[in-house]
Protein backbone atom coordinates (compact mmCIF):
# COMPACT_ATOMS: atom_id res chain seq x y z
CA MET A 1 4.09 -18.10 -25.72
CA ASN A 2 5.21 -16.58 -28.85
CA ASP A 3 8.91 -17.62 -28.55
CA ASP A 4 11.88 -19.75 -27.62
CA LEU A 5 12.77 -17.32 -24.63
CA LEU A 6 9.28 -16.64 -23.45
CA GLN A 7 9.07 -20.48 -23.26
CA GLU A 8 11.76 -20.77 -21.24
CA MET A 9 10.43 -17.92 -18.85
CA TYR A 10 7.37 -19.70 -18.50
CA LYS A 11 8.63 -23.08 -17.87
CA GLN A 12 11.04 -21.45 -15.16
CA ALA A 13 8.34 -19.81 -13.67
CA MET A 14 5.65 -22.95 -13.19
CA GLU A 15 8.30 -25.54 -12.97
CA GLY A 16 11.52 -24.03 -11.30
CA SER A 17 13.44 -25.98 -8.93
CA THR A 18 13.94 -23.65 -6.45
CA THR A 19 11.93 -20.58 -5.31
CA ALA A 20 14.37 -18.22 -6.20
CA GLU A 21 14.27 -19.67 -9.91
CA ARG A 22 10.60 -19.52 -9.91
CA ILE A 23 10.73 -15.83 -8.56
CA GLN A 24 12.93 -14.95 -11.14
CA GLY A 25 10.82 -16.59 -13.93
CA ILE A 26 7.43 -14.91 -12.89
CA ARG A 27 9.50 -11.33 -13.06
CA TRP A 28 10.68 -11.98 -16.18
CA LEU A 29 7.17 -12.46 -17.50
CA GLY A 30 6.21 -9.56 -16.21
CA ALA A 31 8.99 -7.41 -17.54
CA ALA A 32 8.13 -8.84 -20.68
CA GLY A 33 4.44 -7.94 -20.36
CA ASP A 34 3.13 -11.19 -21.34
CA VAL A 35 -0.34 -10.93 -20.16
CA GLU A 36 -1.05 -14.33 -21.82
CA ALA A 37 0.58 -15.90 -18.50
CA THR A 38 -2.34 -14.23 -16.32
CA LYS A 39 -4.57 -17.32 -15.74
CA ASP A 40 -1.48 -19.32 -14.51
CA LEU A 41 -0.66 -16.03 -12.44
CA VAL A 42 -3.74 -15.82 -10.95
CA GLU A 43 -3.73 -19.43 -9.78
CA ILE A 44 -0.44 -19.04 -8.32
CA TYR A 45 -1.11 -15.89 -6.59
CA GLN A 46 -4.69 -17.76 -5.20
CA ASP A 47 -2.82 -20.92 -4.01
CA PRO A 48 -2.39 -20.72 -0.56
CA GLU A 49 0.24 -23.90 -0.77
CA GLN A 50 2.60 -21.73 -2.88
CA PRO A 51 5.46 -20.08 -0.78
CA ALA A 52 4.72 -16.43 0.00
CA GLU A 53 7.74 -15.29 -2.10
CA VAL A 54 6.39 -16.89 -5.02
CA ARG A 55 2.91 -15.44 -4.23
CA LYS A 56 4.21 -11.95 -4.01
CA ALA A 57 6.06 -12.39 -7.26
CA ALA A 58 3.00 -13.35 -8.93
CA GLN A 59 1.07 -10.36 -7.31
CA GLU A 60 3.59 -7.79 -8.61
CA ALA A 61 3.77 -9.17 -12.66
CA LEU A 62 -0.72 -9.14 -11.97
CA SER A 63 -0.17 -5.38 -11.27
CA ILE A 64 1.49 -4.67 -14.31
CA PHE A 65 -0.40 -6.33 -16.50
CA ARG A 66 -3.32 -4.24 -15.12
CA ALA A 67 -1.48 -1.11 -15.48
CA ILE A 68 -1.30 -2.24 -19.16
CA GLN A 69 -4.76 -3.00 -19.65
CA VAL A 70 -5.88 0.23 -18.00
CA ALA A 71 -3.41 2.26 -20.29
CA ILE A 72 -4.86 0.64 -23.18
CA GLN A 73 -8.25 0.97 -22.01
CA ASN A 74 -7.86 4.98 -21.05
CA GLY A 75 -6.20 5.11 -25.05
CA GLU A 76 -2.70 5.81 -23.98
CA PRO A 77 0.17 4.36 -26.07
CA TYR A 78 1.64 1.43 -24.98
CA SER A 79 4.32 -0.70 -27.02
CA PRO A 80 5.38 -4.19 -25.35
CA PRO A 81 8.94 -4.28 -25.12
CA ASP A 82 11.24 -6.69 -27.34
CA ARG A 83 10.98 -10.22 -25.65
CA ARG A 84 14.46 -11.06 -27.10
CA THR A 85 15.90 -8.33 -24.85
CA VAL A 86 14.62 -8.78 -21.81
CA GLY A 87 16.94 -9.80 -18.87
CA VAL A 88 16.79 -10.31 -15.35
CA PRO A 89 16.12 -6.90 -13.59
CA PRO A 90 19.06 -5.92 -11.66
CA VAL A 91 17.55 -5.18 -8.19
CA ALA A 92 15.64 -7.12 -6.10
CA PRO A 93 11.75 -7.85 -6.38
CA GLU A 94 10.63 -5.47 -3.39
CA THR A 95 12.77 -2.66 -4.78
CA LEU A 96 11.63 -3.34 -7.91
CA TRP A 97 7.83 -2.86 -6.92
CA ARG A 98 8.77 -0.20 -4.89
CA LEU A 99 10.15 1.58 -7.78
CA TRP A 100 7.59 0.50 -10.05
CA ARG A 101 4.73 2.46 -7.68
CA ILE A 102 6.95 5.76 -7.58
CA LEU A 103 7.22 5.72 -11.04
CA ALA A 104 3.30 5.21 -11.54
CA LEU A 105 2.52 8.05 -8.98
CA VAL A 106 5.18 10.26 -10.91
CA LEU A 107 3.37 9.57 -14.10
CA VAL A 108 -0.28 10.75 -12.95
CA ILE A 109 1.09 13.68 -11.25
CA LEU A 110 2.98 14.57 -14.49
CA VAL A 111 0.14 13.89 -16.46
CA ALA A 112 -1.68 16.22 -14.01
CA ALA A 113 0.76 19.18 -14.29
CA ASP A 114 0.71 19.19 -17.94
CA ILE A 115 -2.72 19.04 -18.38
CA LEU A 116 -3.27 21.83 -15.83
CA LEU A 117 -0.47 23.86 -17.43
CA ALA A 118 -2.24 23.68 -20.61
CA ILE A 119 -5.17 25.35 -19.01
CA ALA A 120 -2.90 28.55 -17.72
CA ILE A 121 -1.27 28.92 -20.92
CA ASP A 122 -4.61 28.20 -23.06
CA ARG A 123 -2.37 25.64 -25.32
CA ARG A 124 -5.56 23.40 -26.48
CA GLY A 125 -9.28 22.94 -26.31
CA PRO A 126 -11.93 25.59 -26.56
CA GLU A 127 -11.66 28.60 -25.11
CA VAL A 128 -14.06 29.82 -22.16
CA PRO A 129 -14.69 33.67 -22.39
CA PRO A 130 -12.73 35.02 -19.49
CA SER A 131 -15.68 37.53 -19.12
CA ASP A 132 -18.04 34.71 -17.65
CA PRO A 133 -16.06 33.17 -14.80
CA ARG A 134 -18.73 31.93 -13.06
CA LEU A 135 -19.67 29.25 -15.30
CA ILE A 136 -16.35 27.93 -14.60
CA ALA A 137 -17.21 27.86 -11.24
CA ALA A 138 -20.25 26.16 -11.78
CA GLN A 139 -18.55 23.26 -13.26
CA LEU A 140 -16.07 23.15 -10.97
CA GLN A 141 -18.31 22.64 -8.42
CA MET A 142 -20.14 20.08 -10.05
CA ARG A 143 -17.03 17.80 -10.46
CA LEU A 144 -15.66 18.71 -6.62
CA ASP A 145 -19.34 17.31 -5.10
CA GLN A 146 -19.25 13.95 -7.43
CA LEU A 147 -15.78 13.17 -6.53
CA ARG A 148 -16.40 13.91 -2.91
CA ALA A 149 -19.52 11.30 -3.24
CA ASP A 150 -17.26 8.85 -4.62
CA ARG A 151 -14.59 9.39 -2.28
CA GLU A 152 -16.96 8.53 0.33
CA ASN A 153 -18.26 5.25 -1.58
CA GLN A 154 -14.72 4.05 -1.82
CA VAL A 155 -14.08 4.96 1.97
CA GLN A 156 -16.95 2.52 2.90
CA ALA A 157 -15.60 -0.15 0.19
CA TRP A 158 -12.10 -0.12 1.96
CA ARG A 159 -13.24 -0.05 5.65
CA GLN A 160 -15.93 -3.05 4.63
CA TYR A 161 -12.84 -5.03 3.27
CA GLN A 162 -10.75 -4.27 6.14
CA ALA A 163 -13.71 -6.14 8.44
CA ILE A 164 -14.89 -8.87 6.54
CA GLN A 165 -12.06 -9.01 3.75
CA THR A 166 -14.82 -8.09 1.03
CA LEU A 167 -14.67 -5.20 -1.32
CA GLY A 168 -18.53 -5.24 -1.84
CA CYS A 169 -18.11 -4.95 -5.60
CA ASP A 170 -22.00 -5.61 -5.94
CA ARG A 171 -22.78 -3.12 -3.45
CA PHE A 172 -20.80 0.23 -3.71
CA PRO A 173 -21.09 1.66 -7.33
CA ALA A 174 -18.20 2.52 -9.51
CA PRO A 175 -16.64 6.09 -9.34
CA ALA A 176 -17.97 8.49 -12.11
CA ALA A 177 -16.24 8.56 -15.33
CA THR A 178 -15.53 12.50 -14.04
CA SER A 179 -14.07 10.95 -10.93
CA THR A 180 -11.26 9.28 -12.66
CA SER A 181 -10.64 11.68 -15.79
CA LEU A 182 -9.00 14.91 -16.13
CA ARG A 183 -11.02 15.29 -19.12
CA GLY A 184 -13.02 18.73 -18.97
CA LEU A 185 -10.59 20.46 -17.11
CA ASP A 186 -8.25 21.18 -20.11
CA THR A 187 -10.70 23.31 -21.74
CA LEU A 188 -11.11 25.83 -19.08
CA ALA A 189 -8.91 28.56 -19.89
CA ILE A 190 -8.49 30.24 -16.40
CA ASP A 191 -6.05 33.41 -16.28
CA PRO A 192 -4.42 32.78 -13.18
CA VAL A 193 -3.43 36.38 -12.59
CA ALA A 194 -7.59 37.79 -12.62
CA TYR A 195 -8.58 34.68 -11.25
CA PRO A 196 -6.16 33.09 -8.62
CA ASP A 197 -8.56 31.55 -6.60
CA LEU A 198 -10.29 29.48 -9.39
CA TYR A 199 -6.90 28.81 -10.84
CA GLU A 200 -5.98 27.35 -7.52
CA ALA A 201 -9.22 25.20 -7.33
CA ALA A 202 -8.84 23.81 -10.27
CA LEU A 203 -5.10 22.77 -9.88
CA LYS A 204 -6.22 21.23 -6.39
CA LEU A 205 -9.09 19.35 -8.19
CA GLY A 206 -6.87 18.01 -10.93
CA ALA A 207 -4.52 16.63 -8.07
CA ALA A 208 -7.23 14.54 -6.58
CA ILE A 209 -8.64 13.47 -9.29
CA GLY A 210 -4.89 11.94 -10.04
CA GLN A 211 -4.43 10.58 -6.66
CA PHE A 212 -8.35 8.99 -6.87
CA THR A 213 -7.57 7.41 -9.85
CA LEU A 214 -5.15 5.18 -8.19
CA VAL A 215 -7.52 4.05 -5.66
CA SER A 216 -10.31 3.63 -7.90
CA ASN A 217 -7.67 1.15 -10.36
CA ASN A 218 -7.13 -0.70 -7.05
CA TRP A 219 -10.48 -1.41 -6.13
CA VAL A 220 -11.00 -2.54 -9.92
CA LEU A 221 -8.35 -4.74 -9.82
CA GLY A 222 -9.80 -6.64 -6.59
CA CYS A 223 -13.29 -6.75 -8.29
CA GLY A 224 -11.96 -8.70 -11.02
CA GLY A 225 -10.12 -11.12 -8.77
CA GLY A 226 -6.64 -9.76 -8.84
CA PRO A 227 -4.09 -8.81 -6.16
CA VAL A 228 -5.52 -6.40 -3.71
CA GLU A 229 -3.22 -3.46 -2.40
CA SER A 230 -3.53 -2.99 1.16
CA VAL A 231 -6.56 -1.37 2.94
CA GLU A 232 -3.84 1.22 4.82
CA THR A 233 -2.49 2.39 1.46
CA ASN A 234 -5.83 2.83 -0.09
CA LEU A 235 -7.24 4.57 3.09
CA ALA A 236 -4.17 6.91 3.22
CA LEU A 237 -4.62 7.85 -0.40
CA LEU A 238 -8.04 8.74 0.18
CA GLU A 239 -7.49 10.92 3.12
CA GLU A 240 -5.10 12.76 0.92
CA VAL A 241 -7.80 12.93 -1.54
CA ARG A 242 -9.78 14.66 0.89
CA VAL A 243 -7.23 17.15 1.88
CA ARG A 244 -7.05 18.32 -1.59
CA LEU A 245 -10.66 18.28 -2.02
CA ASP A 246 -11.06 20.62 1.03
CA GLU A 247 -8.25 22.61 -0.45
CA ALA A 248 -10.26 23.12 -3.71
CA GLY A 249 -13.73 23.91 -1.92
CA ALA A 250 -12.17 26.37 -0.02
CA ALA A 251 -10.45 27.94 -3.21
CA LEU A 252 -13.69 27.83 -5.27
CA SER A 253 -15.78 29.20 -2.25
CA ARG A 254 -13.46 32.23 -2.28
CA ALA A 255 -13.51 32.40 -5.91
CA GLN A 256 -17.48 32.32 -5.84
CA LEU A 257 -17.61 35.12 -3.17
CA ALA A 258 -15.58 37.55 -5.32
CA LEU A 259 -17.44 36.97 -8.26
CA THR A 260 -20.88 37.57 -6.34
CA PRO A 261 -21.96 41.03 -7.22
CA SER A 262 -21.41 43.27 -4.33
CA PRO A 263 -24.71 45.63 -3.43
CA ALA A 264 -24.72 49.18 -4.41
CA PRO A 265 -23.15 51.22 -1.59
CA THR A 266 -25.96 53.81 0.26
CA PRO A 267 -25.80 57.18 -0.40
CA THR A 268 -24.94 59.44 2.23
CA VAL A 269 -26.48 62.57 2.71
CA GLY A 270 -24.21 65.67 3.45
CA GLU A 271 -24.83 67.95 6.35
CA LEU A 272 -26.26 70.78 3.82
CA THR A 273 -28.67 69.64 1.00
CA PRO A 274 -29.17 72.61 -0.98
CA GLN A 275 -32.30 71.69 -2.77
CA PHE A 276 -34.69 68.00 -3.28
CA ILE A 277 -34.85 67.38 -6.72
CA PRO A 278 -37.38 64.53 -7.37
CA VAL A 279 -36.02 62.08 -9.68
CA THR A 280 -38.82 59.59 -11.57
CA ILE A 281 -37.64 56.10 -11.81
CA PRO A 282 -38.62 54.31 -14.79
CA PRO A 283 -40.06 50.71 -14.56
CA THR A 284 -38.03 47.52 -14.23
CA PRO A 285 -38.87 45.77 -17.78
CA GLU A 286 -39.71 42.05 -17.02
CA PRO A 287 -36.70 39.92 -18.16
CA THR A 288 -37.04 38.21 -21.41
CA PRO A 289 -36.58 34.54 -20.78
CA LEU A 290 -34.11 32.57 -22.75
CA LEU A 291 -35.92 30.13 -25.11
CA LEU A 292 -34.62 26.66 -25.54
CA ASP A 293 -35.25 24.49 -28.22
CA TYR A 294 -35.17 20.87 -26.82
CA ALA A 295 -35.93 18.87 -29.75
CA PRO A 296 -32.39 18.62 -31.13
CA TYR A 297 -30.70 17.48 -27.80
CA ILE A 298 -33.99 15.10 -26.79
CA ARG A 299 -33.63 13.42 -30.69
CA ALA A 300 -29.86 12.87 -30.58
CA MET A 301 -30.02 11.42 -26.81
CA ARG A 302 -32.64 9.17 -27.54
CA ASN A 303 -30.90 7.87 -30.56
CA ARG A 304 -27.62 7.51 -28.41
CA ILE A 305 -29.25 5.36 -25.70
CA ASP A 306 -31.64 2.95 -28.31
CA ALA A 307 -28.53 2.34 -30.41
CA ALA A 308 -26.94 0.72 -27.12
CA VAL A 309 -29.70 -0.78 -25.69
CA VAL A 310 -32.50 -1.78 -28.36
CA GLY A 311 -32.17 -4.75 -30.58
CA ARG A 312 -28.83 -5.97 -31.53
CA GLY A 313 -27.12 -2.71 -29.80
CA VAL A 314 -23.82 -3.51 -27.57
CA VAL A 315 -25.10 -3.21 -24.29
CA ALA A 316 -28.19 -5.79 -24.95
CA GLN A 317 -25.53 -7.83 -26.82
CA LEU A 318 -22.95 -8.01 -23.80
CA LEU A 319 -25.81 -8.88 -21.20
CA GLN A 320 -26.23 -12.07 -23.29
CA TYR A 321 -23.00 -12.76 -23.95
CA TRP A 322 -21.86 -12.17 -20.31
CA GLU A 323 -25.12 -14.56 -19.07
CA ASP A 324 -23.81 -17.32 -21.94
CA VAL A 325 -20.86 -17.34 -19.89
CA ARG A 326 -22.46 -17.41 -16.70
CA GLN A 327 -24.72 -20.34 -17.78
CA ARG A 328 -22.01 -22.51 -20.10
CA GLY A 329 -18.86 -21.26 -19.28
CA GLN A 330 -18.58 -19.86 -23.04
CA SER A 331 -20.08 -17.31 -25.13
CA PHE A 332 -20.52 -17.75 -29.01
CA GLY A 333 -19.96 -13.64 -28.74
CA CYS A 334 -16.04 -14.30 -28.84
CA ASN A 335 -16.78 -14.90 -32.65
CA GLN A 336 -18.92 -11.68 -33.06
CA VAL A 337 -17.04 -8.34 -33.59
CA LEU A 338 -17.56 -5.95 -31.09
CA THR A 339 -15.52 -2.82 -30.81
CA THR A 340 -15.37 0.08 -28.70
CA ASP A 341 -15.96 2.69 -31.45
CA LEU A 342 -19.72 1.59 -31.04
CA ILE A 343 -20.12 2.71 -27.69
CA GLN A 344 -19.66 6.47 -28.46
CA ASN A 345 -20.28 9.03 -25.47
CA TYR A 346 -22.88 12.09 -25.74
CA TYR A 347 -21.26 16.02 -25.43
CA GLY A 348 -24.21 17.97 -27.14
CA VAL A 349 -24.81 19.82 -24.00
CA SER A 350 -22.48 22.82 -24.15
CA ALA A 351 -22.29 24.78 -20.84
CA ASP A 352 -24.38 27.55 -22.03
CA VAL A 353 -27.17 25.00 -22.88
CA ALA A 354 -26.59 23.48 -18.99
CA ALA A 355 -26.94 26.98 -17.60
CA LEU A 356 -30.47 27.47 -18.88
CA ASP A 357 -31.46 23.63 -18.36
CA PRO A 358 -29.21 21.74 -15.76
CA ARG A 359 -31.35 18.79 -16.55
CA LEU A 360 -29.95 18.49 -19.94
CA LEU A 361 -26.60 17.72 -18.27
CA ASP A 362 -27.92 15.13 -15.79
CA ILE A 363 -29.03 13.04 -18.83
CA GLN A 364 -25.77 13.34 -20.61
CA VAL A 365 -23.67 12.58 -17.52
CA ALA A 366 -25.86 9.53 -16.92
CA ILE A 367 -25.66 8.72 -20.84
CA ASN A 368 -21.68 8.57 -20.22
CA VAL A 369 -21.48 6.98 -17.13
CA GLY A 370 -23.51 4.04 -19.12
CA MET A 371 -21.08 4.02 -22.20
CA THR A 372 -18.16 4.40 -19.99
CA LEU A 373 -19.13 1.13 -18.16
CA ALA A 374 -20.23 -0.53 -21.37
CA ARG A 375 -16.80 -0.12 -22.99
CA ASP A 376 -15.22 -1.43 -19.57
CA SER A 377 -17.30 -4.38 -19.77
CA LEU A 378 -16.50 -4.91 -23.38
CA ALA A 379 -12.73 -4.88 -22.78
CA ASN A 380 -12.98 -7.60 -19.85
CA PHE A 381 -15.37 -9.93 -22.35
CA GLN A 382 -12.41 -9.33 -25.16
CA GLN A 383 -9.70 -10.09 -22.33
CA GLY A 384 -11.82 -13.39 -21.05
CA CYS A 385 -11.93 -14.30 -25.11
CA ALA A 386 -8.30 -13.98 -25.72
CA VAL A 387 -6.65 -15.50 -22.36
CA GLY A 388 -9.41 -17.41 -21.43
CA ASN A 389 -9.71 -16.46 -17.70
CA PHE A 390 -13.64 -15.73 -18.03
CA SER A 391 -13.71 -17.38 -14.37
CA THR A 392 -11.90 -14.36 -13.37
CA LEU A 393 -13.48 -11.66 -15.20
CA LEU A 394 -17.39 -13.03 -14.88
CA ASP A 395 -18.46 -10.95 -11.63
CA LEU A 396 -16.77 -7.72 -12.72
CA GLY A 397 -17.70 -7.97 -16.53
CA GLN A 398 -21.43 -8.80 -15.77
CA ALA A 399 -21.66 -6.48 -12.70
CA GLN A 400 -20.22 -3.53 -15.39
CA ILE A 401 -22.58 -4.26 -18.05
CA GLN A 402 -25.63 -4.11 -15.88
CA GLN A 403 -24.43 -0.81 -14.39
CA ALA A 404 -24.28 0.40 -17.51
CA ARG A 405 -27.82 -0.61 -18.53
CA ALA A 406 -28.94 0.60 -15.29
CA ALA A 407 -27.29 4.14 -16.03
CA LEU A 408 -28.90 4.43 -19.54
CA ASN A 409 -32.15 3.41 -18.11
CA GLN A 410 -32.00 6.13 -15.67
CA ALA A 411 -31.05 8.43 -18.55
CA SER A 412 -33.86 7.47 -20.72
CA THR A 413 -36.47 8.11 -17.82
CA LEU A 414 -35.06 11.59 -17.28
CA LEU A 415 -35.29 12.05 -20.98
CA ASP A 416 -38.96 10.86 -20.83
CA GLN A 417 -39.94 13.48 -18.17
CA LEU A 418 -38.31 15.84 -19.74
CA GLN A 419 -40.08 15.34 -22.90
CA ALA A 420 -43.35 14.87 -21.68
CA GLU A 421 -42.94 18.38 -19.60
CA VAL A 422 -41.70 20.23 -22.83
CA THR A 423 -44.63 18.74 -24.90
CA GLY A 424 -47.47 19.72 -22.46
CA ARG A 425 -46.19 23.35 -22.55
């Protein structure tokens, strides 16, 4: 603990003479954001001999700690409160928990609304020419298809948990980064007057991503040994996501139909044709294929992959560090300096390039999925080093880095195939 007040909170939470005193101490730790107490709170939550009210208070505090961790991982600003001013919350634990969930949901909705408002007024990001809305529709369709697939996986995961009380973290893949992030939608400059259906599709898709992020965070928290939100709550959220996706899909279908060129009308011959004049139709010239120089993209993608998995790459090191934890219960990796700035996504494939060869975009997505999983695994490893709760984080952190390596290997295989085809031309 960092000061006398935290010592008092911790002692009351762990050794309070009454259940009410322990609950009050645990609530203090949660309000103060004291993540150093995570290990002890996990033990309280997992101990069936603890009073139900005490376990519930520990679950609430752990959920707050998880929200802090997610905010830090997402690069969102977080400032811990002044612990000298933390007092007893003036409301009951149940009311405080409900208010916290409502505020979290409102925050997600406000963030989504702010980003989508930026799309409407073109407040930031590179402008996509309104003259090519079909490219925007293709991007939205790609995001929509991916989110539908990830939603189905989450439905299966929660139904399995409902049946056999296991989330199947080793069976169901982690959702793609595009399913839990609004990044990319804020670069689409859509004129709501000229393209109302396209604008509505982007709006509904953003709302679906905001709701799906809540479910995904609950799943990741459960896989990490933390408290698990009720199955009914997560399935209800997933049903709301389905409704939003159906609405987005319907609006996108209308937009794509409106963007499809109409066939030229068949001319009608009047009752009186004064004279037949033969018309010579010039031959249709062959379209000139658009040439794409693959070399810069192949070289940049290969360098990004090799920097992560070859030699002392971050992914290669984390694989060894987590294996050390599993074999010996500890890792010398805690003495090494690994930072997230060593794990960089790749965004070299623009929308125009993807339109010429979508395979480049597939490889870029696979690389970024691997990098995102690697950053999550590194965050869990750093937490294990700082808090000492490797036993709680081991399965999740090791699974994340293994999935990261698999995604980068898949990207490397696709890159080999593309390079072989280009070389053989």
